[in-house]
C-alpha atoms as a PDB file:
ATOM      1  CA  UNK A   1     140.043 139.021 163.994  1.00  0.00           C
ATOM      2  CA  UNK A   2     138.753 136.882 161.053  1.00  0.00           C
ATOM      3  CA  UNK A   3     136.925 138.723 158.161  1.00  0.00           C
ATOM      4  CA  UNK A   4     134.724 137.373 155.636  1.00  0.00           C
ATOM      5  CA  UNK A   5     134.391 139.507 152.268  1.00  0.00           C
ATOM      6  CA  UNK A   6     131.535 138.755 150.086  1.00  0.00           C
ATOM      7  CA  UNK A   7     131.832 138.968 146.139  1.00  0.00           C
ATOM      8  CA  UNK A   8     134.400 138.235 143.423  1.00  0.00           C
ATOM      9  CA  UNK A   9     135.252 141.071 141.531  1.00  0.00           C
ATOM     10  CA  UNK A  10     137.902 144.049 141.423  1.00  0.00           C
ATOM     11  CA  UNK A  11     135.764 145.964 144.208  1.00  0.00           C
ATOM     12  CA  UNK A  12     136.291 142.934 146.635  1.00  0.00           C
ATOM     13  CA  UNK A  13     140.057 142.338 145.662  1.00  0.00           C
ATOM     14  CA  UNK A  14     140.601 146.090 146.672  1.00  0.00           C
ATOM     15  CA  UNK A  15     138.465 145.541 149.974  1.00  0.00           C
ATOM     16  CA  UNK A  16     140.627 142.547 150.683  1.00  0.00           C
ATOM     17  CA  UNK A  17     143.926 144.179 149.930  1.00  0.00           C
ATOM     18  CA  UNK A  18     143.009 146.985 152.156  1.00  0.00           C
ATOM     19  CA  UNK A  19     141.517 144.797 155.217  1.00  0.00           C
ATOM     20  CA  UNK A  20     144.852 142.851 154.893  1.00  0.00           C
ATOM     21  CA  UNK A  21     146.830 145.923 155.844  1.00  0.00           C
ATOM     22  CA  UNK A  22     145.077 145.897 159.279  1.00  0.00           C
ATOM     23  CA  UNK A  23     147.365 144.543 162.167  1.00  0.00           C
ATOM     24  CA  UNK A  24     143.991 143.420 163.816  1.00  0.00           C
ATOM     25  CA  UNK A  25     143.165 140.893 160.987  1.00  0.00           C
ATOM     26  CA  UNK A  26     144.564 137.357 161.178  1.00  0.00           C
ATOM     27  CA  UNK A  27     142.571 135.744 158.540  1.00  0.00           C
ATOM     28  CA  UNK A  28     140.471 136.967 155.500  1.00  0.00           C
ATOM     29  CA  UNK A  29     137.942 134.514 153.461  1.00  0.00           C
ATOM     30  CA  UNK A  30     136.511 135.895 150.456  1.00  0.00           C
ATOM     31  CA  UNK A  31     133.119 134.016 148.824  1.00  0.00           C
ATOM     32  CA  UNK A  32     133.568 133.260 146.146  1.00  0.00           C
ATOM     33  CA  UNK A  33     136.667 135.454 145.661  1.00  0.00           C
ATOM     34  CA  UNK A  34     138.823 135.257 142.246  1.00  0.00           C
ATOM     35  CA  UNK A  35     142.377 134.254 141.560  1.00  0.00           C
ATOM     36  CA  UNK A  36     143.792 137.714 142.487  1.00  0.00           C
ATOM     37  CA  UNK A  37     142.175 137.668 145.688  1.00  0.00           C
ATOM     38  CA  UNK A  38     143.700 133.995 146.388  1.00  0.00           C
ATOM     39  CA  UNK A  39     146.842 135.690 146.751  1.00  0.00           C
ATOM     40  CA  UNK A  40     145.667 137.526 149.775  1.00  0.00           C
ATOM     41  CA  UNK A  41     142.628 135.523 151.117  1.00  0.00           C
ATOM     42  CA  UNK A  42     141.145 132.013 151.195  1.00  0.00           C
ATOM     43  CA  UNK A  43     138.576 131.847 148.357  1.00  0.00           C
ATOM     44  CA  UNK A  44     135.373 130.000 149.560  1.00  0.00           C
ATOM     45  CA  UNK A  45     133.324 128.346 146.729  1.00  0.00           C
ATOM     46  CA  UNK A  46     129.996 129.914 147.732  1.00  0.00           C
ATOM     47  CA  UNK A  47     127.810 132.148 145.464  1.00  0.00           C
ATOM     48  CA  UNK A  48     126.823 135.694 146.726  1.00  0.00           C
ATOM     49  CA  UNK A  49     123.147 134.783 146.592  1.00  0.00           C
ATOM     50  CA  UNK A  50     123.717 131.599 148.810  1.00  0.00           C
ATOM     51  CA  UNK A  51     122.679 133.446 152.019  1.00  0.00           C
ATOM     52  CA  UNK A  52     121.908 130.427 154.198  1.00  0.00           C
ATOM     53  CA  UNK A  53     125.297 128.706 153.310  1.00  0.00           C
ATOM     54  CA  UNK A  54     127.137 132.049 153.888  1.00  0.00           C
ATOM     55  CA  UNK A  55     125.601 132.476 157.250  1.00  0.00           C
ATOM     56  CA  UNK A  56     126.424 128.843 158.064  1.00  0.00           C
ATOM     57  CA  UNK A  57     130.005 129.420 157.119  1.00  0.00           C
ATOM     58  CA  UNK A  58     130.333 132.744 159.140  1.00  0.00           C
ATOM     59  CA  UNK A  59     128.872 130.983 162.181  1.00  0.00           C
ATOM     60  CA  UNK A  60     130.958 127.888 161.750  1.00  0.00           C
ATOM     61  CA  UNK A  61     134.201 129.990 161.404  1.00  0.00           C
ATOM     62  CA  UNK A  62     133.341 132.565 164.127  1.00  0.00           C
ATOM     63  CA  UNK A  63     133.710 135.292 161.726  1.00  0.00           C
ATOM     64  CA  UNK A  64     134.291 138.666 163.526  1.00  0.00           C
ATOM     65  CA  UNK A  65     133.179 140.872 160.681  1.00  0.00           C
ATOM     66  CA  UNK A  66     131.548 140.331 157.185  1.00  0.00           C
ATOM     67  CA  UNK A  67     131.987 142.879 154.478  1.00  0.00           C
ATOM     68  CA  UNK A  68     129.453 142.832 151.734  1.00  0.00           C
ATOM     69  CA  UNK A  69     130.506 144.188 148.202  1.00  0.00           C
ATOM     70  CA  UNK A  70     127.871 143.180 145.594  1.00  0.00           C
ATOM     71  CA  UNK A  71     124.476 144.715 145.338  1.00  0.00           C
ATOM     72  CA  UNK A  72     122.526 141.525 144.878  1.00  0.00           C
ATOM     73  CA  UNK A  73     123.141 139.790 148.474  1.00  0.00           C
ATOM     74  CA  UNK A  74     122.440 143.153 150.161  1.00  0.00           C
ATOM     75  CA  UNK A  75     119.082 143.442 148.204  1.00  0.00           C
ATOM     76  CA  UNK A  76     118.085 140.020 149.407  1.00  0.00           C
ATOM     77  CA  UNK A  77     118.682 140.939 153.079  1.00  0.00           C
ATOM     78  CA  UNK A  78     122.062 139.356 153.790  1.00  0.00           C
ATOM     79  CA  UNK A  79     122.653 142.163 156.500  1.00  0.00           C
ATOM     80  CA  UNK A  80     119.408 141.607 158.290  1.00  0.00           C
ATOM     81  CA  UNK A  81     119.890 137.863 158.222  1.00  0.00           C
ATOM     82  CA  UNK A  82     123.402 138.074 159.769  1.00  0.00           C
ATOM     83  CA  UNK A  83     122.649 140.520 162.383  1.00  0.00           C
ATOM     84  CA  UNK A  84     119.646 138.360 163.529  1.00  0.00           C
ATOM     85  CA  UNK A  85     122.313 135.795 164.317  1.00  0.00           C
ATOM     86  CA  UNK A  86     124.507 138.355 166.421  1.00  0.00           C
ATOM     87  CA  UNK A  87     127.031 138.722 163.613  1.00  0.00           C
ATOM     88  CA  UNK A  88     128.675 141.996 162.699  1.00  0.00           C
ATOM     89  CA  UNK A  89     128.214 142.987 159.219  1.00  0.00           C
ATOM     90  CA  UNK A  90     129.145 146.042 157.103  1.00  0.00           C
ATOM     91  CA  UNK A  91     126.371 147.139 154.609  1.00  0.00           C
ATOM     92  CA  UNK A  92     122.946 148.490 154.366  1.00  0.00           C
ATOM     93  CA  UNK A  93     119.967 146.531 155.627  1.00  0.00           C
ATOM     94  CA  UNK A  94     117.563 145.259 152.898  1.00  0.00           C
ATOM     95  CA  UNK A  95     115.092 148.092 153.085  1.00  0.00           C
ATOM     96  CA  UNK A  96     118.149 150.541 152.570  1.00  0.00           C
ATOM     97  CA  UNK A  97     119.543 148.504 149.902  1.00  0.00           C
ATOM     98  CA  UNK A  98     116.300 148.926 147.882  1.00  0.00           C
ATOM     99  CA  UNK A  99     117.446 152.451 146.889  1.00  0.00           C
ATOM    100  CA  UNK A 100     119.919 150.705 144.747  1.00  0.00           C
ATOM    101  CA  UNK A 101     117.766 147.735 143.804  1.00  0.00           C
ATOM    102  CA  UNK A 102     115.157 149.749 142.378  1.00  0.00           C
ATOM    103  CA  UNK A 103     115.913 152.892 140.253  1.00  0.00           C
ATOM    104  CA  UNK A 104     112.053 153.827 140.272  1.00  0.00           C
ATOM    105  CA  UNK A 105     112.012 153.861 143.920  1.00  0.00           C
ATOM    106  CA  UNK A 106     115.237 155.774 144.295  1.00  0.00           C
ATOM    107  CA  UNK A 107     113.962 158.472 141.804  1.00  0.00           C
ATOM    108  CA  UNK A 108     110.836 158.662 143.544  1.00  0.00           C
ATOM    109  CA  UNK A 109     112.666 159.061 146.700  1.00  0.00           C
ATOM    110  CA  UNK A 110     114.629 161.831 145.520  1.00  0.00           C
ATOM    111  CA  UNK A 111     111.702 163.725 144.091  1.00  0.00           C
ATOM    112  CA  UNK A 112     109.833 163.189 147.386  1.00  0.00           C
ATOM    113  CA  UNK A 113     112.523 164.887 149.511  1.00  0.00           C
ATOM    114  CA  UNK A 114     113.561 167.331 146.817  1.00  0.00           C
ATOM    115  CA  UNK A 115     117.049 165.928 146.099  1.00  0.00           C
ATOM    116  CA  UNK A 116     118.334 167.094 142.937  1.00  0.00           C
ATOM    117  CA  UNK A 117     117.883 164.639 140.152  1.00  0.00           C
ATOM    118  CA  UNK A 118     117.434 164.394 136.300  1.00  0.00           C
ATOM    119  CA  UNK A 119     113.948 164.470 135.085  1.00  0.00           C
ATOM    120  CA  UNK A 120     112.497 161.093 134.562  1.00  0.00           C
ATOM    121  CA  UNK A 121     109.555 158.731 133.904  1.00  0.00           C
ATOM    122  CA  UNK A 122     108.851 155.276 134.946  1.00  0.00           C
ATOM    123  CA  UNK A 123     107.096 152.974 132.589  1.00  0.00           C
ATOM    124  CA  UNK A 124     105.861 149.231 132.193  1.00  0.00           C
ATOM    125  CA  UNK A 125     104.392 149.722 128.750  1.00  0.00           C
ATOM    126  CA  UNK A 126     105.972 150.847 125.518  1.00  0.00           C
ATOM    127  CA  UNK A 127     103.235 153.360 124.120  1.00  0.00           C
ATOM    128  CA  UNK A 128     103.519 155.931 126.938  1.00  0.00           C
ATOM    129  CA  UNK A 129     107.437 155.324 127.183  1.00  0.00           C
ATOM    130  CA  UNK A 130     107.562 156.396 123.503  1.00  0.00           C
ATOM    131  CA  UNK A 131     105.364 159.390 124.194  1.00  0.00           C
ATOM    132  CA  UNK A 132     108.026 160.488 127.109  1.00  0.00           C
ATOM    133  CA  UNK A 133     110.941 159.954 124.565  1.00  0.00           C
ATOM    134  CA  UNK A 134     109.239 162.122 121.877  1.00  0.00           C
ATOM    135  CA  UNK A 135     108.577 164.913 124.615  1.00  0.00           C
ATOM    136  CA  UNK A 136     111.966 164.735 126.249  1.00  0.00           C
ATOM    137  CA  UNK A 137     114.114 164.403 122.858  1.00  0.00           C
ATOM    138  CA  UNK A 138     117.233 162.618 122.531  1.00  0.00           C
ATOM    139  CA  UNK A 139     120.028 161.829 123.510  1.00  0.00           C
ATOM    140  CA  UNK A 140     118.151 160.048 126.371  1.00  0.00           C
ATOM    141  CA  UNK A 141     118.784 157.648 128.977  1.00  0.00           C
ATOM    142  CA  UNK A 142     117.106 154.412 129.340  1.00  0.00           C
ATOM    143  CA  UNK A 143     117.545 152.220 132.678  1.00  0.00           C
ATOM    144  CA  UNK A 144     116.307 148.988 133.792  1.00  0.00           C
ATOM    145  CA  UNK A 145     114.529 149.253 137.056  1.00  0.00           C
ATOM    146  CA  UNK A 146     116.125 146.404 138.840  1.00  0.00           C
ATOM    147  CA  UNK A 147     119.754 145.188 139.309  1.00  0.00           C
ATOM    148  CA  UNK A 148     121.513 144.282 136.099  1.00  0.00           C
ATOM    149  CA  UNK A 149     125.080 144.081 137.466  1.00  0.00           C
ATOM    150  CA  UNK A 150     126.034 147.649 136.513  1.00  0.00           C
ATOM    151  CA  UNK A 151     124.971 146.928 132.992  1.00  0.00           C
ATOM    152  CA  UNK A 152     121.447 148.131 132.790  1.00  0.00           C
ATOM    153  CA  UNK A 153     121.814 151.870 131.420  1.00  0.00           C
ATOM    154  CA  UNK A 154     121.756 152.714 127.736  1.00  0.00           C
ATOM    155  CA  UNK A 155     122.364 156.044 126.453  1.00  0.00           C
ATOM    156  CA  UNK A 156     120.269 156.433 123.360  1.00  0.00           C
ATOM    157  CA  UNK A 157     121.541 158.919 120.857  1.00  0.00           C
ATOM    158  CA  UNK A 158     118.669 158.467 118.471  1.00  0.00           C
ATOM    159  CA  UNK A 159     114.875 157.874 118.864  1.00  0.00           C
ATOM    160  CA  UNK A 160     114.989 154.582 117.305  1.00  0.00           C
ATOM    161  CA  UNK A 161     117.825 153.575 119.700  1.00  0.00           C
ATOM    162  CA  UNK A 162     115.711 154.645 122.780  1.00  0.00           C
ATOM    163  CA  UNK A 163     112.754 152.772 121.529  1.00  0.00           C
ATOM    164  CA  UNK A 164     114.621 149.654 120.861  1.00  0.00           C
ATOM    165  CA  UNK A 165     116.248 149.665 124.315  1.00  0.00           C
ATOM    166  CA  UNK A 166     112.846 150.313 125.915  1.00  0.00           C
ATOM    167  CA  UNK A 167     111.362 147.448 123.927  1.00  0.00           C
ATOM    168  CA  UNK A 168     114.202 145.082 124.539  1.00  0.00           C
ATOM    169  CA  UNK A 169     113.962 145.760 128.430  1.00  0.00           C
ATOM    170  CA  UNK A 170     110.156 145.487 128.741  1.00  0.00           C
ATOM    171  CA  UNK A 171     110.111 142.217 126.649  1.00  0.00           C
ATOM    172  CA  UNK A 172     112.595 140.704 129.100  1.00  0.00           C
ATOM    173  CA  UNK A 173     115.109 140.086 126.371  1.00  0.00           C
ATOM    174  CA  UNK A 174     117.757 142.493 127.839  1.00  0.00           C
ATOM    175  CA  UNK A 175     117.893 142.123 131.567  1.00  0.00           C
ATOM    176  CA  UNK A 176     115.198 139.591 132.438  1.00  0.00           C
ATOM    177  CA  UNK A 177     112.995 140.759 135.367  1.00  0.00           C
ATOM    178  CA  UNK A 178     115.197 143.559 136.040  1.00  0.00           C
ATOM    179  CA  UNK A 179     113.902 145.393 132.923  1.00  0.00           C
ATOM    180  CA  UNK A 180     110.166 144.701 133.495  1.00  0.00           C
ATOM    181  CA  UNK A 181     109.941 148.481 134.343  1.00  0.00           C
ATOM    182  CA  UNK A 182     112.057 150.942 133.026  1.00  0.00           C
ATOM    183  CA  UNK A 183     113.119 154.389 134.053  1.00  0.00           C
ATOM    184  CA  UNK A 184     113.718 156.937 131.279  1.00  0.00           C
ATOM    185  CA  UNK A 185     115.834 160.063 132.064  1.00  0.00           C
ATOM    186  CA  UNK A 186     116.852 163.247 130.512  1.00  0.00           C
ATOM    187  CA  UNK A 187     120.462 163.144 129.523  1.00  0.00           C
ATOM    188  CA  UNK A 188     122.693 165.157 131.592  1.00  0.00           C
ATOM    189  CA  UNK A 189     126.013 166.623 130.072  1.00  0.00           C
ATOM    190  CA  UNK A 190     129.199 166.773 132.244  1.00  0.00           C
ATOM    191  CA  UNK A 191     131.618 164.784 133.974  1.00  0.00           C
ATOM    192  CA  UNK A 192     130.233 162.175 136.355  1.00  0.00           C
ATOM    193  CA  UNK A 193     131.611 161.068 139.725  1.00  0.00           C
ATOM    194  CA  UNK A 194     130.505 159.025 142.707  1.00  0.00           C
ATOM    195  CA  UNK A 195     129.966 160.876 146.088  1.00  0.00           C
ATOM    196  CA  UNK A 196     130.221 158.461 148.840  1.00  0.00           C
ATOM    197  CA  UNK A 197     129.212 158.628 152.520  1.00  0.00           C
ATOM    198  CA  UNK A 198     128.679 156.383 155.497  1.00  0.00           C
ATOM    199  CA  UNK A 199     125.546 157.053 157.666  1.00  0.00           C
ATOM    200  CA  UNK A 200     123.831 155.570 160.702  1.00  0.00           C
ATOM    201  CA  UNK A 201     120.619 157.426 159.896  1.00  0.00           C
ATOM    202  CA  UNK A 202     121.632 160.314 162.200  1.00  0.00           C
ATOM    203  CA  UNK A 203     125.408 160.974 161.501  1.00  0.00           C
ATOM    204  CA  UNK A 204     127.204 161.237 157.872  1.00  0.00           C
ATOM    205  CA  UNK A 205     130.839 160.498 157.420  1.00  0.00           C
ATOM    206  CA  UNK A 206     131.963 161.533 153.883  1.00  0.00           C
ATOM    207  CA  UNK A 207     134.476 159.145 152.058  1.00  0.00           C
ATOM    208  CA  UNK A 208     136.689 159.952 149.186  1.00  0.00           C
ATOM    209  CA  UNK A 209     135.022 160.683 145.867  1.00  0.00           C
ATOM    210  CA  UNK A 210     135.449 158.311 142.933  1.00  0.00           C
ATOM    211  CA  UNK A 211     135.067 158.079 139.370  1.00  0.00           C
ATOM    212  CA  UNK A 212     134.419 154.725 137.519  1.00  0.00           C
ATOM    213  CA  UNK A 213     134.573 154.067 133.878  1.00  0.00           C
ATOM    214  CA  UNK A 214     131.883 151.757 132.342  1.00  0.00           C
ATOM    215  CA  UNK A 215     132.213 151.811 128.783  1.00  0.00           C
ATOM    216  CA  UNK A 216     134.035 148.640 127.454  1.00  0.00           C
ATOM    217  CA  UNK A 217     136.128 150.281 125.007  1.00  0.00           C
ATOM    218  CA  UNK A 218     138.780 153.035 125.111  1.00  0.00           C
ATOM    219  CA  UNK A 219     137.596 156.624 125.182  1.00  0.00           C
ATOM    220  CA  UNK A 220     134.094 155.944 126.609  1.00  0.00           C
ATOM    221  CA  UNK A 221     133.164 153.909 123.497  1.00  0.00           C
ATOM    222  CA  UNK A 222     130.860 150.936 123.461  1.00  0.00           C
ATOM    223  CA  UNK A 223     128.467 149.532 125.812  1.00  0.00           C
ATOM    224  CA  UNK A 224     128.335 149.879 129.588  1.00  0.00           C
ATOM    225  CA  UNK A 225     129.806 147.145 131.846  1.00  0.00           C
ATOM    226  CA  UNK A 226     129.713 146.902 135.485  1.00  0.00           C
ATOM    227  CA  UNK A 227     132.978 148.943 135.414  1.00  0.00           C
ATOM    228  CA  UNK A 228     136.365 148.575 133.492  1.00  0.00           C
ATOM    229  CA  UNK A 229     138.227 150.659 136.009  1.00  0.00           C
ATOM    230  CA  UNK A 230     137.961 153.402 138.749  1.00  0.00           C
ATOM    231  CA  UNK A 231     140.198 155.951 140.621  1.00  0.00           C
ATOM    232  CA  UNK A 232     139.773 157.902 143.773  1.00  0.00           C
ATOM    233  CA  UNK A 233     139.703 160.602 144.513  1.00  0.00           C
ATOM    234  CA  UNK A 234     137.761 162.116 141.382  1.00  0.00           C
ATOM    235  CA  UNK A 235     139.389 165.375 140.600  1.00  0.00           C
ATOM    236  CA  UNK A 236     136.191 166.786 139.187  1.00  0.00           C
ATOM    237  CA  UNK A 237     134.734 166.866 142.865  1.00  0.00           C
ATOM    238  CA  UNK A 238     136.456 170.063 143.974  1.00  0.00           C
ATOM    239  CA  UNK A 239     136.052 171.329 147.522  1.00  0.00           C
ATOM    240  CA  UNK A 240     133.097 173.670 146.369  1.00  0.00           C
ATOM    241  CA  UNK A 241     131.458 170.588 144.640  1.00  0.00           C
ATOM    242  CA  UNK A 242     131.858 168.568 147.868  1.00  0.00           C
ATOM    243  CA  UNK A 243     130.455 171.272 149.904  1.00  0.00           C
ATOM    244  CA  UNK A 244     127.492 171.684 147.637  1.00  0.00           C
ATOM    245  CA  UNK A 245     126.806 167.880 147.598  1.00  0.00           C
ATOM    246  CA  UNK A 246     126.932 167.746 151.422  1.00  0.00           C
ATOM    247  CA  UNK A 247     124.564 170.794 151.631  1.00  0.00           C
ATOM    248  CA  UNK A 248     121.958 170.005 148.815  1.00  0.00           C
ATOM    249  CA  UNK A 249     122.040 166.282 148.364  1.00  0.00           C
ATOM    250  CA  UNK A 250     123.323 164.542 151.522  1.00  0.00           C
END
């Protein structure tokens, strides 16, 4: 079978590497790919947001399966587009991807269905945001509502840092339209891990846990990036925590 992987980061390199292990796979393309991926697959010079061109390529090359890595094409509806043309594609449809594309939507969804989540507020103006910061105290977490390539989260240690982060986001200086609304959350202490499942809406298949490290410098210092590295499984996710997550969250 012929597989198309969309994306050009370390995540996609890992996907291509694993897909290449399958005896069913005869050819892998990656758009846009990167130099590391080029050792395993054929890089295609198409951007992840060029949905029509990606579709045209998949149809022309008779791609059997497309695997989408980045959030942006998912939020733009690439899965819906490919499925409409009868192509098999792995990833959430546009309406499901909105959980990732809007932090405010995902927080409201969790609150509605009583999924445990940090206390939060959603703001489009500075004054009520400052009131929330003063009421909650620091440290506090400021997040751009929209997609910011994994960089739209600021952990503010002081009141001034928090207000500056909110102001930068709302003014459009920090993350453009992604920061036109901000989510401000209480700061949760402890070790963070990602808990991953696949679902068709009725059945749930848990995958291995993971832990990524976003801070740009060693020892969790410096601003967040999209991810400096990750490992799986995450030791912090014990069997007890796994069972609790399945029962209370998933």
